[in-house]
N, C-alpha and C. Protein backbone atom coordinates (compact mmCIF):
# COMPACT_ATOMS: atom_id res chain seq x y z
N MET A 1 17.42 25.32 -11.89
CA MET A 1 17.39 23.85 -11.39
C MET A 1 17.86 24.04 -9.98
N LYS A 2 17.10 23.30 -9.08
CA LYS A 2 17.40 23.23 -7.89
C LYS A 2 18.82 22.55 -7.44
N THR A 3 19.69 23.20 -6.77
CA THR A 3 20.93 22.97 -6.31
C THR A 3 20.87 22.75 -4.65
N TRP A 4 22.00 22.06 -4.15
CA TRP A 4 22.30 21.94 -2.66
C TRP A 4 23.54 22.16 -2.24
N THR A 5 23.83 22.91 -1.24
CA THR A 5 25.13 22.62 -0.81
C THR A 5 25.27 21.61 0.36
N ILE A 6 26.32 21.35 0.73
CA ILE A 6 26.60 20.37 1.55
C ILE A 6 25.49 20.53 2.88
N ASP A 7 25.57 21.73 3.60
CA ASP A 7 24.83 22.12 4.68
C ASP A 7 23.53 21.98 4.39
N GLU A 8 22.92 22.31 3.23
CA GLU A 8 21.52 22.36 2.94
C GLU A 8 21.30 20.75 2.60
N LEU A 9 22.07 19.86 1.95
CA LEU A 9 21.73 18.44 1.74
C LEU A 9 21.63 17.89 3.27
N MET A 10 22.66 18.09 4.13
CA MET A 10 22.63 17.59 5.48
C MET A 10 21.34 17.72 6.50
N THR A 11 20.74 19.20 5.98
CA THR A 11 19.45 19.28 6.71
C THR A 11 18.37 18.36 6.21
N GLU A 12 18.60 17.68 5.00
CA GLU A 12 17.60 16.67 4.62
C GLU A 12 17.54 15.56 5.48
N LYS A 13 18.65 15.22 6.09
CA LYS A 13 18.84 14.13 6.93
C LYS A 13 18.91 12.66 6.03
N PRO A 14 20.34 13.02 5.00
CA PRO A 14 20.31 11.77 3.96
C PRO A 14 20.62 10.60 4.81
N CYS A 15 20.86 9.35 4.43
CA CYS A 15 21.35 8.15 4.95
C CYS A 15 22.94 8.18 4.79
N TYR A 16 23.57 9.08 4.13
CA TYR A 16 24.92 9.06 4.00
C TYR A 16 25.55 9.97 5.02
N SER A 17 26.82 9.65 5.54
CA SER A 17 27.54 10.54 6.63
C SER A 17 27.79 11.88 5.81
N ARG A 18 28.04 12.81 6.85
CA ARG A 18 28.67 13.97 6.15
C ARG A 18 29.92 14.00 5.41
N ALA A 19 30.94 12.98 5.93
CA ALA A 19 32.05 12.74 5.13
C ALA A 19 31.71 12.07 3.67
N LYS A 20 30.69 11.23 3.69
CA LYS A 20 30.37 10.47 2.34
C LYS A 20 29.84 11.77 1.40
N VAL A 21 28.97 12.34 2.09
CA VAL A 21 28.44 13.82 1.20
C VAL A 21 29.59 14.54 0.72
N GLU A 22 30.53 14.81 1.59
CA GLU A 22 31.62 15.63 1.04
C GLU A 22 32.62 15.02 0.04
N GLU A 23 32.39 13.76 0.14
CA GLU A 23 33.41 13.16 -0.91
C GLU A 23 32.59 13.24 -2.26
N LEU A 24 31.21 12.91 -2.18
CA LEU A 24 30.51 13.12 -3.35
C LEU A 24 30.59 14.29 -3.90
N TYR A 25 30.59 15.34 -3.38
CA TYR A 25 30.57 16.74 -3.71
C TYR A 25 31.98 16.91 -4.48
N ALA A 26 33.09 16.30 -4.27
CA ALA A 26 34.38 16.35 -4.88
C ALA A 26 34.92 17.91 -4.97
N GLY A 27 34.87 18.44 -3.73
CA GLY A 27 35.29 20.05 -3.88
C GLY A 27 34.18 20.99 -4.35
N ARG A 28 33.15 20.69 -4.84
CA ARG A 28 32.17 21.60 -5.33
C ARG A 28 31.30 22.13 -4.22
N ASP A 29 31.11 23.56 -4.36
CA ASP A 29 30.12 24.16 -3.63
C ASP A 29 28.83 23.64 -3.37
N SER A 30 28.24 23.39 -4.66
CA SER A 30 26.94 22.72 -4.79
C SER A 30 26.93 21.83 -5.65
N VAL A 31 25.74 20.91 -5.66
CA VAL A 31 25.36 19.85 -6.71
C VAL A 31 23.95 20.30 -7.06
N SER A 32 23.80 19.94 -8.52
CA SER A 32 22.14 19.78 -8.81
C SER A 32 21.71 18.63 -8.98
N ILE A 33 20.52 18.48 -9.23
CA ILE A 33 19.71 17.08 -9.40
C ILE A 33 20.40 16.42 -10.55
N ILE A 34 20.72 17.11 -11.79
CA ILE A 34 21.40 16.61 -12.58
C ILE A 34 22.81 16.03 -12.21
N ASP A 35 23.47 16.83 -11.47
CA ASP A 35 24.85 16.14 -11.04
C ASP A 35 24.61 15.02 -10.30
N ILE A 36 23.65 14.82 -9.57
CA ILE A 36 23.12 13.62 -8.89
C ILE A 36 22.88 12.31 -9.69
N PHE A 37 22.21 12.73 -10.66
CA PHE A 37 21.66 11.79 -11.82
C PHE A 37 22.94 11.46 -12.39
N ASP A 38 23.90 12.01 -12.54
CA ASP A 38 25.26 11.53 -13.18
C ASP A 38 26.13 11.10 -12.20
N SER A 39 26.02 10.80 -11.00
CA SER A 39 26.67 10.33 -9.99
C SER A 39 26.65 8.74 -9.84
N GLU A 40 27.57 8.05 -9.25
CA GLU A 40 27.52 6.73 -9.15
C GLU A 40 26.85 6.14 -8.03
N ILE A 41 25.94 7.07 -7.50
CA ILE A 41 24.94 6.65 -6.30
C ILE A 41 23.84 5.62 -6.86
N PRO A 42 23.28 4.68 -6.06
CA PRO A 42 22.29 3.99 -6.33
C PRO A 42 21.04 4.68 -6.88
N ALA A 43 20.47 4.00 -7.74
CA ALA A 43 19.04 4.91 -8.27
C ALA A 43 18.03 5.11 -7.07
N GLY A 44 18.14 4.27 -6.11
CA GLY A 44 17.17 4.33 -4.96
C GLY A 44 17.49 5.56 -4.31
N ASP A 45 18.76 5.84 -4.06
CA ASP A 45 19.31 7.26 -3.52
C ASP A 45 18.78 8.53 -4.36
N LYS A 46 19.14 8.28 -5.66
CA LYS A 46 18.69 9.45 -6.53
C LYS A 46 17.09 9.73 -6.54
N VAL A 47 16.22 8.49 -6.44
CA VAL A 47 14.66 8.73 -6.19
C VAL A 47 14.38 9.55 -4.82
N TRP A 48 15.52 9.09 -3.80
CA TRP A 48 15.17 10.10 -2.63
C TRP A 48 15.41 11.44 -2.74
N MET A 49 16.44 11.69 -3.58
CA MET A 49 16.75 12.92 -3.90
C MET A 49 15.62 13.71 -4.66
N LEU A 50 15.18 13.16 -5.56
CA LEU A 50 13.86 13.56 -6.35
C LEU A 50 12.69 13.95 -5.45
N CYS A 51 12.80 13.30 -4.21
CA CYS A 51 11.47 13.57 -3.26
C CYS A 51 11.82 14.93 -2.61
N ARG A 52 12.70 15.45 -2.65
CA ARG A 52 13.30 16.60 -1.74
C ARG A 52 12.36 17.74 -2.39
N PRO A 53 11.99 18.81 -1.45
CA PRO A 53 11.27 19.77 -2.00
C PRO A 53 12.02 20.65 -2.85
N GLY A 54 11.30 21.36 -4.00
CA GLY A 54 11.87 22.23 -4.66
C GLY A 54 12.51 21.70 -6.02
N VAL A 55 12.56 20.43 -6.13
CA VAL A 55 13.25 19.57 -7.28
C VAL A 55 12.63 19.83 -8.59
N PHE A 56 11.00 19.65 -8.74
CA PHE A 56 10.32 19.94 -9.79
C PHE A 56 9.74 21.25 -9.76
N GLU A 57 9.42 21.79 -10.87
CA GLU A 57 8.59 22.92 -11.07
C GLU A 57 7.34 22.87 -11.61
N GLY A 58 6.45 23.64 -11.31
CA GLY A 58 5.10 23.42 -12.08
C GLY A 58 4.40 22.06 -11.56
N ASP A 59 4.09 21.47 -12.51
CA ASP A 59 3.20 20.21 -12.41
C ASP A 59 4.11 18.97 -12.56
N GLY A 60 5.49 19.31 -12.52
CA GLY A 60 6.59 17.96 -12.57
C GLY A 60 6.43 17.16 -11.92
N ARG A 61 6.15 17.17 -10.52
CA ARG A 61 6.48 16.20 -9.55
C ARG A 61 5.09 15.40 -9.72
N GLN A 62 3.85 15.95 -9.95
CA GLN A 62 2.49 15.32 -10.42
C GLN A 62 2.68 14.46 -11.57
N ARG A 63 3.27 14.91 -12.41
CA ARG A 63 3.53 14.09 -13.85
C ARG A 63 4.51 12.92 -13.37
N TRP A 64 5.28 13.16 -12.84
CA TRP A 64 6.35 12.03 -12.28
C TRP A 64 5.62 10.84 -11.51
N LEU A 65 4.73 11.44 -10.47
CA LEU A 65 4.09 10.39 -9.63
C LEU A 65 3.03 9.72 -10.52
N ASP A 66 2.19 10.51 -11.38
CA ASP A 66 1.39 9.80 -12.14
C ASP A 66 2.00 8.70 -12.96
N GLY A 67 3.24 8.99 -13.68
CA GLY A 67 4.03 8.19 -14.20
C GLY A 67 4.06 6.79 -13.37
N ILE A 68 4.64 7.09 -12.39
CA ILE A 68 4.89 5.85 -11.57
C ILE A 68 3.42 4.79 -11.38
N VAL A 69 2.49 5.58 -11.09
CA VAL A 69 1.30 5.03 -10.75
C VAL A 69 0.69 4.22 -12.00
N THR A 70 0.84 4.96 -12.99
CA THR A 70 0.21 4.47 -14.33
C THR A 70 0.97 3.23 -14.72
N ARG A 71 2.30 3.10 -14.66
CA ARG A 71 3.27 2.00 -14.85
C ARG A 71 2.61 0.65 -13.81
N ALA A 72 2.49 1.15 -12.58
CA ALA A 72 2.00 0.07 -11.75
C ALA A 72 0.56 -0.32 -11.83
N VAL A 73 -0.28 0.47 -12.26
CA VAL A 73 -1.50 0.16 -12.67
C VAL A 73 -1.65 -0.78 -13.93
N THR A 74 -0.89 -0.40 -14.96
CA THR A 74 -0.65 -1.10 -16.12
C THR A 74 -0.22 -2.39 -15.90
N ASN A 75 0.95 -2.70 -15.17
CA ASN A 75 1.61 -3.91 -15.12
C ASN A 75 0.81 -4.80 -14.07
N TYR A 76 0.30 -4.13 -13.32
CA TYR A 76 -0.16 -5.01 -11.95
C TYR A 76 -1.59 -5.00 -11.70
N ALA A 77 -2.37 -4.08 -12.14
CA ALA A 77 -3.87 -3.91 -11.94
C ALA A 77 -4.82 -4.52 -13.02
N LEU A 78 -4.24 -3.91 -14.19
CA LEU A 78 -5.20 -3.84 -15.33
C LEU A 78 -5.45 -5.44 -15.66
N HIS A 79 -4.72 -6.45 -15.49
CA HIS A 79 -4.94 -7.70 -15.62
C HIS A 79 -4.74 -8.79 -14.52
N CYS A 80 -5.19 -8.07 -13.12
CA CYS A 80 -5.09 -8.82 -11.98
C CYS A 80 -6.05 -9.97 -11.89
N GLY A 81 -6.87 -10.24 -12.47
CA GLY A 81 -8.00 -11.18 -12.24
C GLY A 81 -9.14 -10.73 -11.26
N VAL A 82 -9.10 -9.74 -11.01
CA VAL A 82 -10.21 -9.14 -9.97
C VAL A 82 -10.85 -8.14 -10.66
N LYS A 83 -12.06 -8.56 -11.37
CA LYS A 83 -12.96 -7.60 -12.10
C LYS A 83 -13.13 -6.20 -11.80
N LYS A 84 -13.48 -6.07 -10.54
CA LYS A 84 -13.81 -4.75 -10.04
C LYS A 84 -12.44 -3.70 -10.14
N VAL A 85 -11.33 -4.32 -9.98
CA VAL A 85 -9.96 -3.60 -9.95
C VAL A 85 -9.59 -3.51 -11.35
N GLU A 86 -9.82 -4.54 -12.19
CA GLU A 86 -9.51 -4.22 -13.70
C GLU A 86 -10.25 -3.24 -14.37
N ASP A 87 -11.65 -3.21 -13.98
CA ASP A 87 -12.67 -2.10 -14.42
C ASP A 87 -12.01 -0.57 -13.93
N TRP A 88 -11.51 -0.66 -12.58
CA TRP A 88 -11.01 0.63 -12.18
C TRP A 88 -9.96 1.04 -12.90
N ALA A 89 -9.00 -0.14 -13.22
CA ALA A 89 -7.79 0.36 -13.85
C ALA A 89 -7.85 0.92 -15.22
N VAL A 90 -8.82 0.21 -16.00
CA VAL A 90 -9.20 0.95 -17.24
C VAL A 90 -9.68 2.28 -17.20
N ARG A 91 -10.40 2.61 -16.11
CA ARG A 91 -10.91 4.16 -15.85
C ARG A 91 -9.79 5.09 -15.36
N TRP A 92 -8.76 4.32 -14.59
CA TRP A 92 -7.73 5.29 -14.10
C TRP A 92 -6.81 5.46 -15.36
N LEU A 93 -6.45 4.75 -16.32
CA LEU A 93 -5.70 4.61 -17.43
C LEU A 93 -6.11 5.43 -18.34
N ASP A 94 -7.58 5.38 -18.67
CA ASP A 94 -8.11 6.31 -19.67
C ASP A 94 -8.47 7.66 -19.20
N GLY A 95 -8.24 7.73 -17.65
CA GLY A 95 -8.39 9.30 -17.18
C GLY A 95 -9.77 9.61 -16.92
N SER A 96 -10.92 8.77 -17.08
CA SER A 96 -12.12 8.95 -16.84
C SER A 96 -12.49 8.87 -15.34
N ASP A 97 -11.74 8.06 -14.67
CA ASP A 97 -12.13 8.44 -12.94
C ASP A 97 -10.75 8.05 -12.24
N ARG A 98 -9.98 8.99 -11.97
CA ARG A 98 -8.84 9.03 -11.20
C ARG A 98 -9.30 9.51 -9.48
N SER A 99 -10.59 9.38 -9.24
CA SER A 99 -10.99 9.95 -8.23
C SER A 99 -10.61 9.31 -6.80
N TYR A 100 -10.39 9.75 -5.88
CA TYR A 100 -9.84 9.19 -4.45
C TYR A 100 -10.99 8.07 -4.21
N ALA A 101 -12.19 8.33 -4.15
CA ALA A 101 -13.40 7.19 -3.90
C ALA A 101 -13.38 5.96 -4.85
N ALA A 102 -13.03 6.07 -6.21
CA ALA A 102 -12.73 5.19 -7.03
C ALA A 102 -11.61 4.14 -6.57
N ALA A 103 -10.59 4.90 -6.41
CA ALA A 103 -9.23 4.12 -5.86
C ALA A 103 -9.42 3.34 -4.75
N CYS A 104 -10.31 4.12 -3.87
CA CYS A 104 -10.40 3.40 -2.52
C CYS A 104 -11.37 2.17 -2.65
N ALA A 105 -12.41 2.34 -3.54
CA ALA A 105 -13.39 1.08 -4.13
C ALA A 105 -12.52 0.06 -4.73
N ALA A 106 -11.54 0.35 -5.28
CA ALA A 106 -10.60 -0.56 -5.88
C ALA A 106 -9.94 -1.47 -4.95
N THR A 107 -9.42 -0.54 -3.91
CA THR A 107 -8.55 -1.02 -3.02
C THR A 107 -9.37 -2.06 -2.03
N GLY A 108 -10.66 -1.76 -1.73
CA GLY A 108 -11.48 -2.68 -1.00
C GLY A 108 -11.45 -4.08 -1.73
N ALA A 109 -11.98 -3.89 -3.19
CA ALA A 109 -12.02 -5.00 -3.89
C ALA A 109 -11.10 -5.94 -4.07
N ALA A 110 -9.93 -5.24 -4.17
CA ALA A 110 -8.54 -5.98 -4.05
C ALA A 110 -8.33 -6.61 -2.79
N TRP A 111 -8.62 -6.07 -1.66
CA TRP A 111 -8.43 -6.75 -0.38
C TRP A 111 -9.34 -7.91 -0.29
N ALA A 112 -10.55 -7.54 -0.72
CA ALA A 112 -11.61 -8.74 -0.42
C ALA A 112 -10.97 -9.97 -1.16
N ALA A 113 -10.58 -9.70 -2.51
CA ALA A 113 -10.27 -10.71 -3.50
C ALA A 113 -9.07 -11.51 -2.74
N TRP A 114 -7.96 -10.74 -1.88
CA TRP A 114 -6.95 -11.28 -1.49
C TRP A 114 -7.36 -12.27 -0.13
N ASP A 115 -8.13 -11.65 0.49
CA ASP A 115 -8.57 -12.33 1.62
C ASP A 115 -9.43 -13.65 1.44
N ALA A 116 -10.27 -13.65 0.20
CA ALA A 116 -11.08 -14.75 -0.15
C ALA A 116 -10.14 -15.76 -0.80
N ALA A 117 -9.12 -15.48 -1.52
CA ALA A 117 -8.30 -16.49 -2.29
C ALA A 117 -7.02 -16.35 -2.08
N ASP A 118 -6.41 -15.54 -1.23
CA ASP A 118 -4.93 -15.18 -0.95
C ASP A 118 -4.06 -15.25 -2.25
N ALA A 119 -4.72 -14.88 -3.18
CA ALA A 119 -4.19 -14.73 -4.71
C ALA A 119 -2.95 -13.72 -4.80
N THR A 120 -1.82 -14.25 -5.22
CA THR A 120 -0.78 -13.23 -5.16
C THR A 120 -1.08 -11.93 -6.25
N ASP A 121 -1.50 -12.32 -7.36
CA ASP A 121 -2.26 -10.90 -8.22
C ASP A 121 -3.11 -10.28 -7.57
N ALA A 122 -3.87 -10.58 -6.61
CA ALA A 122 -4.98 -9.72 -6.00
C ALA A 122 -4.11 -8.96 -4.90
N ALA A 123 -3.12 -9.71 -4.17
CA ALA A 123 -2.07 -8.86 -3.61
C ALA A 123 -1.44 -7.56 -4.17
N TRP A 124 -0.86 -7.87 -5.59
CA TRP A 124 -0.15 -6.61 -6.06
C TRP A 124 -1.38 -5.77 -6.52
N ALA A 125 -2.46 -6.13 -6.90
CA ALA A 125 -3.65 -5.24 -7.13
C ALA A 125 -3.88 -4.33 -6.11
N THR A 126 -3.96 -4.89 -4.81
CA THR A 126 -4.32 -4.21 -3.61
C THR A 126 -3.12 -3.07 -3.47
N TRP A 127 -2.05 -3.27 -3.51
CA TRP A 127 -0.89 -2.44 -3.24
C TRP A 127 -1.08 -1.45 -4.23
N VAL A 128 -1.45 -1.84 -5.47
CA VAL A 128 -1.50 -0.61 -6.55
C VAL A 128 -2.66 0.18 -6.58
N ALA A 129 -3.78 -0.16 -6.28
CA ALA A 129 -5.03 0.33 -5.84
C ALA A 129 -4.56 1.29 -4.69
N ASP A 130 -3.93 0.78 -3.71
CA ASP A 130 -3.72 1.91 -2.54
C ASP A 130 -2.87 2.94 -3.01
N ALA A 131 -1.92 2.74 -3.60
CA ALA A 131 -1.01 3.51 -4.42
C ALA A 131 -1.91 4.71 -5.12
N ALA A 132 -2.92 4.15 -5.90
CA ALA A 132 -3.50 5.33 -6.87
C ALA A 132 -4.46 5.79 -5.87
N THR A 133 -5.14 5.33 -4.82
CA THR A 133 -5.76 6.12 -3.62
C THR A 133 -5.02 7.49 -3.45
N TRP A 134 -3.60 7.19 -2.88
CA TRP A 134 -2.73 8.35 -2.39
C TRP A 134 -2.34 9.35 -3.35
N ALA A 135 -2.17 8.46 -4.97
CA ALA A 135 -2.04 9.49 -5.83
C ALA A 135 -3.32 10.52 -6.28
N ALA A 136 -4.46 9.69 -6.05
CA ALA A 136 -5.72 10.73 -6.42
C ALA A 136 -5.66 11.82 -5.37
N ASP A 137 -5.48 11.50 -4.16
CA ASP A 137 -5.50 12.33 -3.05
C ASP A 137 -4.49 13.38 -3.23
N ALA A 138 -3.48 12.95 -3.65
CA ALA A 138 -2.12 13.85 -3.88
C ALA A 138 -2.61 15.06 -4.97
N ALA A 139 -3.48 14.62 -5.95
CA ALA A 139 -3.56 15.45 -7.17
C ALA A 139 -4.32 16.77 -6.58
N ALA A 140 -4.76 16.73 -5.08
CA ALA A 140 -5.56 17.68 -4.83
C ALA A 140 -4.75 19.13 -4.70
N SER A 141 -3.40 18.87 -4.34
CA SER A 141 -2.62 20.03 -3.93
C SER A 141 -1.45 19.71 -4.13
N ALA A 142 -0.41 20.81 -4.63
CA ALA A 142 1.03 20.74 -4.36
C ALA A 142 1.78 20.18 -3.16
N ALA A 143 1.06 20.61 -2.14
CA ALA A 143 1.39 20.21 -0.86
C ALA A 143 1.24 18.85 -0.64
N SER A 144 0.11 18.38 -0.96
CA SER A 144 -0.01 16.71 -1.07
C SER A 144 0.50 15.91 -1.87
N ALA A 145 0.90 16.53 -3.11
CA ALA A 145 1.67 15.83 -4.01
C ALA A 145 3.30 15.61 -3.47
N ALA A 146 3.84 16.81 -2.85
CA ALA A 146 5.11 16.68 -2.33
C ALA A 146 5.00 15.63 -1.25
N TRP A 147 4.11 15.67 -0.29
CA TRP A 147 3.97 14.64 0.61
C TRP A 147 3.82 13.33 0.29
N ALA A 148 3.08 13.03 -0.93
CA ALA A 148 2.91 11.64 -1.67
C ALA A 148 4.26 11.40 -2.06
N ALA A 149 5.12 12.20 -2.59
CA ALA A 149 6.40 11.82 -3.15
C ALA A 149 7.44 11.38 -2.08
N TYR A 150 7.38 12.07 -1.00
CA TYR A 150 8.12 11.91 0.14
C TYR A 150 7.71 10.34 0.80
N ALA A 151 6.46 10.30 0.97
CA ALA A 151 5.77 8.92 1.62
C ALA A 151 6.31 7.82 0.47
N ALA A 152 6.21 8.06 -0.49
CA ALA A 152 6.42 7.07 -1.62
C ALA A 152 7.73 6.55 -1.27
N TYR A 153 8.87 7.57 -0.86
CA TYR A 153 10.19 6.82 -0.90
C TYR A 153 10.35 6.40 0.81
N ALA A 154 9.51 6.84 1.77
CA ALA A 154 9.71 6.72 2.89
C ALA A 154 8.88 5.35 3.43
N SER A 155 8.40 4.72 2.49
CA SER A 155 7.97 3.30 2.41
C SER A 155 6.63 3.28 3.08
N ARG A 156 5.71 4.08 2.89
CA ARG A 156 4.45 4.08 3.18
C ARG A 156 3.73 3.04 2.30
N ALA A 157 3.07 2.20 2.96
CA ALA A 157 2.37 1.00 2.02
C ALA A 157 1.38 1.69 1.14
N ALA A 158 0.67 2.64 1.44
CA ALA A 158 -0.39 3.30 0.29
C ALA A 158 0.31 4.39 -0.41
N SER A 159 1.74 4.39 -0.80
CA SER A 159 1.85 5.44 -1.88
C SER A 159 2.43 4.95 -2.96
N ALA A 160 2.66 5.85 -3.79
CA ALA A 160 2.85 5.52 -5.33
C ALA A 160 4.10 4.73 -5.30
N ALA A 161 5.11 5.09 -5.08
CA ALA A 161 6.42 4.37 -5.29
C ALA A 161 6.44 3.00 -4.48
N TYR A 162 5.91 2.97 -3.14
CA TYR A 162 5.88 1.81 -2.62
C TYR A 162 5.11 0.75 -3.08
N ALA A 163 3.95 1.35 -3.78
CA ALA A 163 3.22 0.23 -4.32
C ALA A 163 3.75 -0.12 -5.55
N ALA A 164 4.55 0.36 -6.41
CA ALA A 164 5.40 -0.13 -7.36
C ALA A 164 6.52 -1.14 -6.65
N TYR A 165 6.90 -0.71 -5.67
CA TYR A 165 7.87 -1.53 -4.91
C TYR A 165 7.35 -2.76 -4.64
N ALA A 166 6.16 -2.93 -3.81
CA ALA A 166 5.35 -4.15 -3.58
C ALA A 166 4.96 -4.93 -4.68
N SER A 167 4.85 -4.34 -5.76
CA SER A 167 4.53 -5.05 -7.15
C SER A 167 5.38 -5.80 -8.02
N TYR A 168 6.70 -5.56 -7.41
CA TYR A 168 7.66 -6.22 -7.98
C TYR A 168 8.27 -7.38 -7.31
N ALA A 169 8.32 -8.63 -7.65
CA ALA A 169 8.51 -9.84 -7.13
C ALA A 169 10.08 -9.97 -6.63
N SER A 170 11.06 -9.33 -7.35
CA SER A 170 12.27 -9.50 -7.15
C SER A 170 13.00 -8.27 -7.02
N ARG A 171 14.31 -8.09 -6.31
CA ARG A 171 14.84 -6.95 -5.85
C ARG A 171 15.60 -6.52 -7.51
N ALA A 172 15.89 -7.31 -8.23
CA ALA A 172 16.30 -7.06 -9.55
C ALA A 172 15.35 -5.95 -10.49
N ALA A 173 13.73 -6.74 -10.11
CA ALA A 173 12.77 -5.86 -10.82
C ALA A 173 12.48 -4.56 -10.15
N TRP A 174 12.57 -4.44 -8.97
CA TRP A 174 12.53 -3.13 -8.05
C TRP A 174 13.57 -2.23 -8.60
N ALA A 175 15.02 -2.72 -8.74
CA ALA A 175 15.93 -2.01 -9.35
C ALA A 175 15.82 -1.24 -10.42
N SER A 176 15.27 -2.25 -11.60
CA SER A 176 14.92 -1.71 -12.68
C SER A 176 13.65 -0.54 -12.65
N GLU A 177 12.95 -0.64 -11.68
CA GLU A 177 11.83 0.21 -11.55
C GLU A 177 12.39 1.76 -11.13
N GLU A 178 13.32 1.62 -9.99
CA GLU A 178 14.20 2.77 -9.66
C GLU A 178 14.74 3.38 -10.77
N GLU A 179 15.42 2.58 -11.60
CA GLU A 179 16.23 3.27 -12.82
C GLU A 179 15.04 3.83 -13.72
N LEU A 180 13.80 3.19 -13.85
CA LEU A 180 13.08 4.03 -14.65
C LEU A 180 12.52 5.21 -14.04
N GLN A 181 12.29 5.29 -12.69
CA GLN A 181 11.74 6.62 -12.00
C GLN A 181 12.71 7.59 -12.28
N VAL A 182 14.00 7.07 -12.15
CA VAL A 182 15.07 8.36 -12.41
C VAL A 182 15.16 8.88 -13.86
N ALA A 183 14.88 7.92 -14.79
CA ALA A 183 14.97 8.34 -16.25
C ALA A 183 13.74 9.12 -16.45
N ASP A 184 12.48 8.87 -15.87
CA ASP A 184 11.16 9.53 -16.08
C ASP A 184 11.25 10.89 -15.50
N ALA A 185 11.92 11.00 -14.51
CA ALA A 185 12.30 12.55 -13.71
C ALA A 185 13.48 13.17 -14.52
N ARG A 186 14.40 12.80 -15.04
CA ARG A 186 15.31 13.30 -15.88
C ARG A 186 14.67 13.78 -17.10
N LYS A 187 13.80 13.04 -17.71
CA LYS A 187 13.31 13.68 -19.01
C LYS A 187 12.10 14.77 -18.45
N ILE A 188 11.58 14.80 -17.51
CA ILE A 188 10.49 16.02 -17.12
C ILE A 188 11.46 17.21 -16.71
N LEU A 189 12.69 16.77 -16.07
CA LEU A 189 13.38 18.08 -15.51
C LEU A 189 14.21 18.67 -16.59
N THR A 190 14.57 17.87 -17.76
CA THR A 190 15.08 18.51 -18.79
C THR A 190 14.48 18.89 -20.19
N GLU A 191 13.01 18.94 -19.88
CA GLU A 191 12.30 19.27 -21.12
C GLU A 191 12.76 20.51 -21.54
N GLY A 192 12.85 20.67 -22.97
CA GLY A 192 13.11 21.89 -23.63
C GLY A 192 14.61 22.17 -23.63
N GLU A 193 15.60 21.43 -23.00
CA GLU A 193 16.85 21.61 -23.08
C GLU A 193 17.48 20.86 -24.39
N GLU A 194 18.25 21.26 -25.17
CA GLU A 194 18.71 20.54 -26.42
C GLU A 194 20.12 20.68 -26.44
């Protein structure tokens, strides 16, 4: 499992000062992602750590991103009131079309609906379809998936986690989504451990 020394973590440019990181390490030489999960830092900061290179093995990062996007598609695109987006959401969820082109087409349909009606649901659908566009593109390679995860936390509008963020009407709902993302990651990272 991935671990970081203080010096290694500081090269990632966290928002915490070195003094704060040293305090969080509490005299330990290194910490693992599980140590970070068990810490008192906010869930959003844990998500930031999850986006660091090397945290997930194999297809874990892509599975994590897929879960984030699937939750957003289910909650905000599947019943958004824009038929083309809803049809695409069904295909995304059943796995029959997770292509970049289909996600782009759904994004266009959501933008058109938003422009025509300025409908809130269409706005959320736009963000979600944008997210899926990036998730579909990220599926092409591990490097793309890593960039998508990083971009998600760096607040790129067309990224998986940001789409989920944009889809939540309140800070409380977003905080709940962050907690779900951490829980999803913990489950993936601890599979097989009993």
